[in-house]
């Protein structure tokens, strides 16, 4: 059984055989469900808690 991975930006579970892995120069491993999540985090530098379509933002909004 493949291990469950969670997207570093959206917080969604990544199905086995999909998504991408990015390794930073400092050795930190980031998992992304799609290119939209990867670009928002790496290229645009967006905060997942302030991006409305992520699970992280939904959880923050629900707690308020």
PDB file of N, CA and C in Angstrom:
ATOM      1  N   UNK A   1       0.848  -1.190   0.000  1.00  0.00           N
ATOM      2  CA  UNK A   1       0.000   0.000   0.000  1.00  0.00           C
ATOM      3  C   UNK A   1       0.886   1.243   0.000  1.00  0.00           C
ATOM      4  N   UNK A   2       0.594   2.163  -0.881  1.00  0.00           N
ATOM      5  CA  UNK A   2       1.355   3.403  -0.969  1.00  0.00           C
ATOM      6  C   UNK A   2       1.006   4.305   0.212  1.00  0.00           C
ATOM      7  N   UNK A   3       1.985   5.067   0.648  1.00  0.00           N
ATOM      8  CA  UNK A   3       1.730   5.958   1.780  1.00  0.00           C
ATOM      9  C   UNK A   3       0.871   7.138   1.338  1.00  0.00           C
ATOM     10  N   UNK A   4       0.087   7.659   2.251  1.00  0.00           N
ATOM     11  CA  UNK A   4      -0.757   8.810   1.957  1.00  0.00           C
ATOM     12  C   UNK A   4       0.089  10.063   2.046  1.00  0.00           C
ATOM     13  N   UNK A   5      -0.006  10.884   1.016  1.00  0.00           N
ATOM     14  CA  UNK A   5       0.698  12.153   1.006  1.00  0.00           C
ATOM     15  C   UNK A   5      -0.324  13.278   1.001  1.00  0.00           C
ATOM     16  N   UNK A   6       0.038  14.367   1.623  1.00  0.00           N
ATOM     17  CA  UNK A   6      -0.842  15.524   1.711  1.00  0.00           C
ATOM     18  C   UNK A   6      -0.161  16.687   0.989  1.00  0.00           C
ATOM     19  N   UNK A   7      -0.920  17.406   0.197  1.00  0.00           N
ATOM     20  CA  UNK A   7      -0.390  18.541  -0.552  1.00  0.00           C
ATOM     21  C   UNK A   7       0.102  19.611   0.427  1.00  0.00           C
ATOM     22  N   UNK A   8       1.297  20.117   0.189  1.00  0.00           N
ATOM     23  CA  UNK A   8       1.896  21.125   1.062  1.00  0.00           C
ATOM     24  C   UNK A   8       1.165  22.458   0.990  1.00  0.00           C
ATOM     25  N   UNK A   9       0.443  22.712  -0.087  1.00  0.00           N
ATOM     26  CA  UNK A   9      -0.262  23.987  -0.224  1.00  0.00           C
ATOM     27  C   UNK A   9      -1.743  23.871   0.103  1.00  0.00           C
ATOM     28  N   UNK A  10      -2.435  22.918  -0.523  1.00  0.00           N
ATOM     29  CA  UNK A  10      -3.889  22.850  -0.358  1.00  0.00           C
ATOM     30  C   UNK A  10      -4.336  22.064   0.864  1.00  0.00           C
ATOM     31  N   UNK A  11      -3.523  21.117   1.305  1.00  0.00           N
ATOM     32  CA  UNK A  11      -3.907  20.278   2.430  1.00  0.00           C
ATOM     33  C   UNK A  11      -4.741  19.070   2.028  1.00  0.00           C
ATOM     34  N   UNK A  12      -4.925  18.850   0.728  1.00  0.00           N
ATOM     35  CA  UNK A  12      -5.717  17.723   0.242  1.00  0.00           C
ATOM     36  C   UNK A  12      -4.846  16.477   0.113  1.00  0.00           C
ATOM     37  N   UNK A  13      -5.462  15.301   0.241  1.00  0.00           N
ATOM     38  CA  UNK A  13      -4.750  14.035   0.092  1.00  0.00           C
ATOM     39  C   UNK A  13      -4.465  13.798  -1.391  1.00  0.00           C
ATOM     40  N   UNK A  14      -3.230  13.394  -1.692  1.00  0.00           N
ATOM     41  CA  UNK A  14      -2.807  13.150  -3.072  1.00  0.00           C
ATOM     42  C   UNK A  14      -2.958  11.658  -3.369  1.00  0.00           C
ATOM     43  N   UNK A  15      -3.758  11.290  -4.367  1.00  0.00           N
ATOM     44  CA  UNK A  15      -3.911   9.875  -4.725  1.00  0.00           C
ATOM     45  C   UNK A  15      -2.581   9.295  -5.223  1.00  0.00           C
ATOM     46  N   UNK A  16      -2.329   8.003  -4.983  1.00  0.00           N
ATOM     47  CA  UNK A  16      -1.090   7.382  -5.454  1.00  0.00           C
ATOM     48  C   UNK A  16      -0.940   7.484  -6.970  1.00  0.00           C
ATOM     49  N   UNK A  17       0.272   7.779  -7.418  1.00  0.00           N
ATOM     50  CA  UNK A  17       0.549   7.883  -8.846  1.00  0.00           C
ATOM     51  C   UNK A  17       0.268   9.242  -9.439  1.00  0.00           C
ATOM     52  N   UNK A  18      -0.142  10.209  -8.633  1.00  0.00           N
ATOM     53  CA  UNK A  18      -0.421  11.550  -9.135  1.00  0.00           C
ATOM     54  C   UNK A  18       0.378  12.564  -8.335  1.00  0.00           C
ATOM     55  N   UNK A  19       0.312  13.818  -8.747  1.00  0.00           N
ATOM     56  CA  UNK A  19       0.996  14.881  -8.029  1.00  0.00           C
ATOM     57  C   UNK A  19       2.463  14.969  -8.388  1.00  0.00           C
ATOM     58  N   UNK A  20       3.169  15.870  -7.708  1.00  0.00           N
ATOM     59  CA  UNK A  20       4.594  16.050  -7.939  1.00  0.00           C
ATOM     60  C   UNK A  20       5.299  16.339  -6.626  1.00  0.00           C
ATOM     61  N   UNK A  21       6.606  16.095  -6.631  1.00  0.00           N
ATOM     62  CA  UNK A  21       7.431  16.321  -5.451  1.00  0.00           C
ATOM     63  C   UNK A  21       8.460  17.378  -5.808  1.00  0.00           C
ATOM     64  N   UNK A  22       8.678  18.341  -4.918  1.00  0.00           N
ATOM     65  CA  UNK A  22       9.683  19.378  -5.100  1.00  0.00           C
ATOM     66  C   UNK A  22      10.603  19.354  -3.885  1.00  0.00           C
ATOM     67  N   UNK A  23      11.903  19.311  -4.121  1.00  0.00           N
ATOM     68  CA  UNK A  23      12.876  19.306  -3.029  1.00  0.00           C
ATOM     69  C   UNK A  23      13.629  20.622  -3.064  1.00  0.00           C
ATOM     70  N   UNK A  24      13.560  21.385  -1.971  1.00  0.00           N
ATOM     71  CA  UNK A  24      14.263  22.657  -1.878  1.00  0.00           C
ATOM     72  C   UNK A  24      15.752  22.426  -1.649  1.00  0.00           C
ATOM     73  N   UNK A  25      16.547  23.464  -1.808  1.00  0.00           N
ATOM     74  CA  UNK A  25      17.995  23.369  -1.622  1.00  0.00           C
ATOM     75  C   UNK A  25      18.367  22.981  -0.201  1.00  0.00           C
ATOM     76  N   UNK A  26      17.525  23.327   0.767  1.00  0.00           N
ATOM     77  CA  UNK A  26      17.816  23.001   2.165  1.00  0.00           C
ATOM     78  C   UNK A  26      17.376  21.580   2.534  1.00  0.00           C
ATOM     79  N   UNK A  27      16.826  20.835   1.564  1.00  0.00           N
ATOM     80  CA  UNK A  27      16.421  19.447   1.799  1.00  0.00           C
ATOM     81  C   UNK A  27      14.964  19.255   2.158  1.00  0.00           C
ATOM     82  N   UNK A  28      14.208  20.327   2.276  1.00  0.00           N
ATOM     83  CA  UNK A  28      12.786  20.225   2.602  1.00  0.00           C
ATOM     84  C   UNK A  28      12.025  19.655   1.405  1.00  0.00           C
ATOM     85  N   UNK A  29      11.186  18.643   1.637  1.00  0.00           N
ATOM     86  CA  UNK A  29      10.418  17.997   0.579  1.00  0.00           C
ATOM     87  C   UNK A  29       8.991  18.527   0.607  1.00  0.00           C
ATOM     88  N   UNK A  30       8.533  19.008  -0.546  1.00  0.00           N
ATOM     89  CA  UNK A  30       7.175  19.523  -0.678  1.00  0.00           C
ATOM     90  C   UNK A  30       6.415  18.665  -1.678  1.00  0.00           C
ATOM     91  N   UNK A  31       5.185  18.298  -1.342  1.00  0.00           N
ATOM     92  CA  UNK A  31       4.327  17.504  -2.213  1.00  0.00           C
ATOM     93  C   UNK A  31       3.208  18.405  -2.716  1.00  0.00           C
ATOM     94  N   UNK A  32       2.927  18.327  -4.024  1.00  0.00           N
ATOM     95  CA  UNK A  32       1.873  19.144  -4.618  1.00  0.00           C
ATOM     96  C   UNK A  32       0.900  18.272  -5.383  1.00  0.00           C
ATOM     97  N   UNK A  33      -0.398  18.596  -5.269  1.00  0.00           N
ATOM     98  CA  UNK A  33      -1.443  17.826  -5.928  1.00  0.00           C
ATOM     99  C   UNK A  33      -1.512  18.169  -7.420  1.00  0.00           C
ATOM    100  N   UNK A  34      -1.209  19.414  -7.785  1.00  0.00           N
ATOM    101  CA  UNK A  34      -1.240  19.827  -9.196  1.00  0.00           C
ATOM    102  C   UNK A  34      -0.333  21.038  -9.400  1.00  0.00           C
ATOM    103  N   UNK A  35      -0.211  21.464 -10.656  1.00  0.00           N
ATOM    104  CA  UNK A  35       0.674  22.585 -10.968  1.00  0.00           C
ATOM    105  C   UNK A  35       0.124  23.909 -10.426  1.00  0.00           C
ATOM    106  N   UNK A  36      -1.175  24.001 -10.278  1.00  0.00           N
ATOM    107  CA  UNK A  36      -1.778  25.222  -9.726  1.00  0.00           C
ATOM    108  C   UNK A  36      -1.285  25.462  -8.303  1.00  0.00           C
ATOM    109  N   UNK A  37      -1.258  24.411  -7.498  1.00  0.00           N
ATOM    110  CA  UNK A  37      -0.785  24.531  -6.116  1.00  0.00           C
ATOM    111  C   UNK A  37       0.710  24.834  -6.085  1.00  0.00           C
ATOM    112  N   UNK A  38       1.490  24.162  -6.951  1.00  0.00           N
ATOM    113  CA  UNK A  38       2.941  24.365  -6.993  1.00  0.00           C
ATOM    114  C   UNK A  38       3.266  25.804  -7.372  1.00  0.00           C
ATOM    115  N   UNK A  39       2.614  26.329  -8.400  1.00  0.00           N
ATOM    116  CA  UNK A  39       2.886  27.688  -8.857  1.00  0.00           C
ATOM    117  C   UNK A  39       2.483  28.730  -7.822  1.00  0.00           C
ATOM    118  N   UNK A  40       1.352  28.506  -7.153  1.00  0.00           N
ATOM    119  CA  UNK A  40       0.900  29.457  -6.136  1.00  0.00           C
ATOM    120  C   UNK A  40       1.874  29.537  -4.975  1.00  0.00           C
ATOM    121  N   UNK A  41       2.475  28.418  -4.595  1.00  0.00           N
ATOM    122  CA  UNK A  41       3.389  28.422  -3.457  1.00  0.00           C
ATOM    123  C   UNK A  41       4.793  28.871  -3.845  1.00  0.00           C
ATOM    124  N   UNK A  42       5.348  28.297  -4.909  1.00  0.00           N
ATOM    125  CA  UNK A  42       6.737  28.555  -5.251  1.00  0.00           C
ATOM    126  C   UNK A  42       6.939  29.822  -6.077  1.00  0.00           C
ATOM    127  N   UNK A  43       6.171  30.005  -7.121  1.00  0.00           N
ATOM    128  CA  UNK A  43       6.369  31.147  -8.006  1.00  0.00           C
ATOM    129  C   UNK A  43       5.731  32.428  -7.477  1.00  0.00           C
ATOM    130  N   UNK A  44       4.511  32.310  -6.970  1.00  0.00           N
ATOM    131  CA  UNK A  44       3.779  33.495  -6.530  1.00  0.00           C
ATOM    132  C   UNK A  44       3.928  33.787  -5.043  1.00  0.00           C
ATOM    133  N   UNK A  45       4.385  32.808  -4.267  1.00  0.00           N
ATOM    134  CA  UNK A  45       4.622  33.020  -2.836  1.00  0.00           C
ATOM    135  C   UNK A  45       3.366  33.279  -2.032  1.00  0.00           C
ATOM    136  N   UNK A  46       2.261  32.667  -2.409  1.00  0.00           N
ATOM    137  CA  UNK A  46       1.005  32.907  -1.705  1.00  0.00           C
ATOM    138  C   UNK A  46       0.911  32.089  -0.418  1.00  0.00           C
ATOM    139  N   UNK A  47       0.163  32.622   0.529  1.00  0.00           N
ATOM    140  CA  UNK A  47      -0.075  31.972   1.809  1.00  0.00           C
ATOM    141  C   UNK A  47      -1.330  31.112   1.677  1.00  0.00           C
ATOM    142  N   UNK A  48      -1.233  29.780   1.956  1.00  0.00           N
ATOM    143  CA  UNK A  48      -2.408  28.910   1.797  1.00  0.00           C
ATOM    144  C   UNK A  48      -3.586  29.316   2.679  1.00  0.00           C
ATOM    145  N   UNK A  49      -3.331  29.881   3.837  1.00  0.00           N
ATOM    146  CA  UNK A  49      -4.409  30.265   4.748  1.00  0.00           C
ATOM    147  C   UNK A  49      -5.206  31.461   4.212  1.00  0.00           C
ATOM    148  N   UNK A  50      -4.615  32.224   3.307  1.00  0.00           N
ATOM    149  CA  UNK A  50      -5.296  33.395   2.749  1.00  0.00           C
ATOM    150  C   UNK A  50      -5.797  33.164   1.324  1.00  0.00           C
ATOM    151  N   UNK A  51      -5.591  31.948   0.799  1.00  0.00           N
ATOM    152  CA  UNK A  51      -6.067  31.586  -0.532  1.00  0.00           C
ATOM    153  C   UNK A  51      -7.357  30.796  -0.357  1.00  0.00           C
ATOM    154  N   UNK A  52      -8.474  31.367  -0.800  1.00  0.00           N
ATOM    155  CA  UNK A  52      -9.803  30.872  -0.447  1.00  0.00           C
ATOM    156  C   UNK A  52     -10.102  29.436  -0.876  1.00  0.00           C
ATOM    157  N   UNK A  53      -9.506  28.924  -1.941  1.00  0.00           N
ATOM    158  CA  UNK A  53      -9.855  27.606  -2.457  1.00  0.00           C
ATOM    159  C   UNK A  53      -9.087  26.467  -1.787  1.00  0.00           C
ATOM    160  N   UNK A  54      -8.245  26.732  -0.811  1.00  0.00           N
ATOM    161  CA  UNK A  54      -7.494  25.668  -0.143  1.00  0.00           C
ATOM    162  C   UNK A  54      -8.235  25.167   1.090  1.00  0.00           C
ATOM    163  N   UNK A  55      -7.956  23.923   1.480  1.00  0.00           N
ATOM    164  CA  UNK A  55      -8.561  23.360   2.692  1.00  0.00           C
ATOM    165  C   UNK A  55      -8.091  24.105   3.933  1.00  0.00           C
ATOM    166  N   UNK A  56      -6.870  24.604   3.909  1.00  0.00           N
ATOM    167  CA  UNK A  56      -6.329  25.359   5.042  1.00  0.00           C
ATOM    168  C   UNK A  56      -7.171  26.615   5.291  1.00  0.00           C
ATOM    169  N   UNK A  57      -7.541  27.301   4.229  1.00  0.00           N
ATOM    170  CA  UNK A  57      -8.365  28.510   4.358  1.00  0.00           C
ATOM    171  C   UNK A  57      -9.762  28.174   4.855  1.00  0.00           C
ATOM    172  N   UNK A  58     -10.320  27.045   4.378  1.00  0.00           N
ATOM    173  CA  UNK A  58     -11.653  26.633   4.823  1.00  0.00           C
ATOM    174  C   UNK A  58     -11.660  26.319   6.312  1.00  0.00           C
ATOM    175  N   UNK A  59     -10.597  25.654   6.796  1.00  0.00           N
ATOM    176  CA  UNK A  59     -10.518  25.346   8.221  1.00  0.00           C
ATOM    177  C   UNK A  59     -10.368  26.606   9.060  1.00  0.00           C
ATOM    178  N   UNK A  60      -9.574  27.562   8.571  1.00  0.00           N
ATOM    179  CA  UNK A  60      -9.389  28.818   9.304  1.00  0.00           C
ATOM    180  C   UNK A  60     -10.698  29.605   9.364  1.00  0.00           C
ATOM    181  N   UNK A  61     -11.420  29.633   8.231  1.00  0.00           N
ATOM    182  CA  UNK A  61     -12.675  30.369   8.167  1.00  0.00           C
ATOM    183  C   UNK A  61     -13.733  29.729   9.069  1.00  0.00           C
ATOM    184  N   UNK A  62     -13.725  28.400   9.124  1.00  0.00           N
ATOM    185  CA  UNK A  62     -14.690  27.669   9.946  1.00  0.00           C
ATOM    186  C   UNK A  62     -14.462  27.926  11.442  1.00  0.00           C
ATOM    187  N   UNK A  63     -13.204  28.092  11.849  1.00  0.00           N
ATOM    188  CA  UNK A  63     -12.882  28.276  13.265  1.00  0.00           C
ATOM    189  C   UNK A  63     -13.246  29.672  13.752  1.00  0.00           C
ATOM    190  N   UNK A  64     -13.362  30.644  12.823  1.00  0.00           N
ATOM    191  CA  UNK A  64     -13.688  32.032  13.233  1.00  0.00           C
ATOM    192  C   UNK A  64     -15.150  32.216  13.502  1.00  0.00           C
TER     193      UNK A  64
END
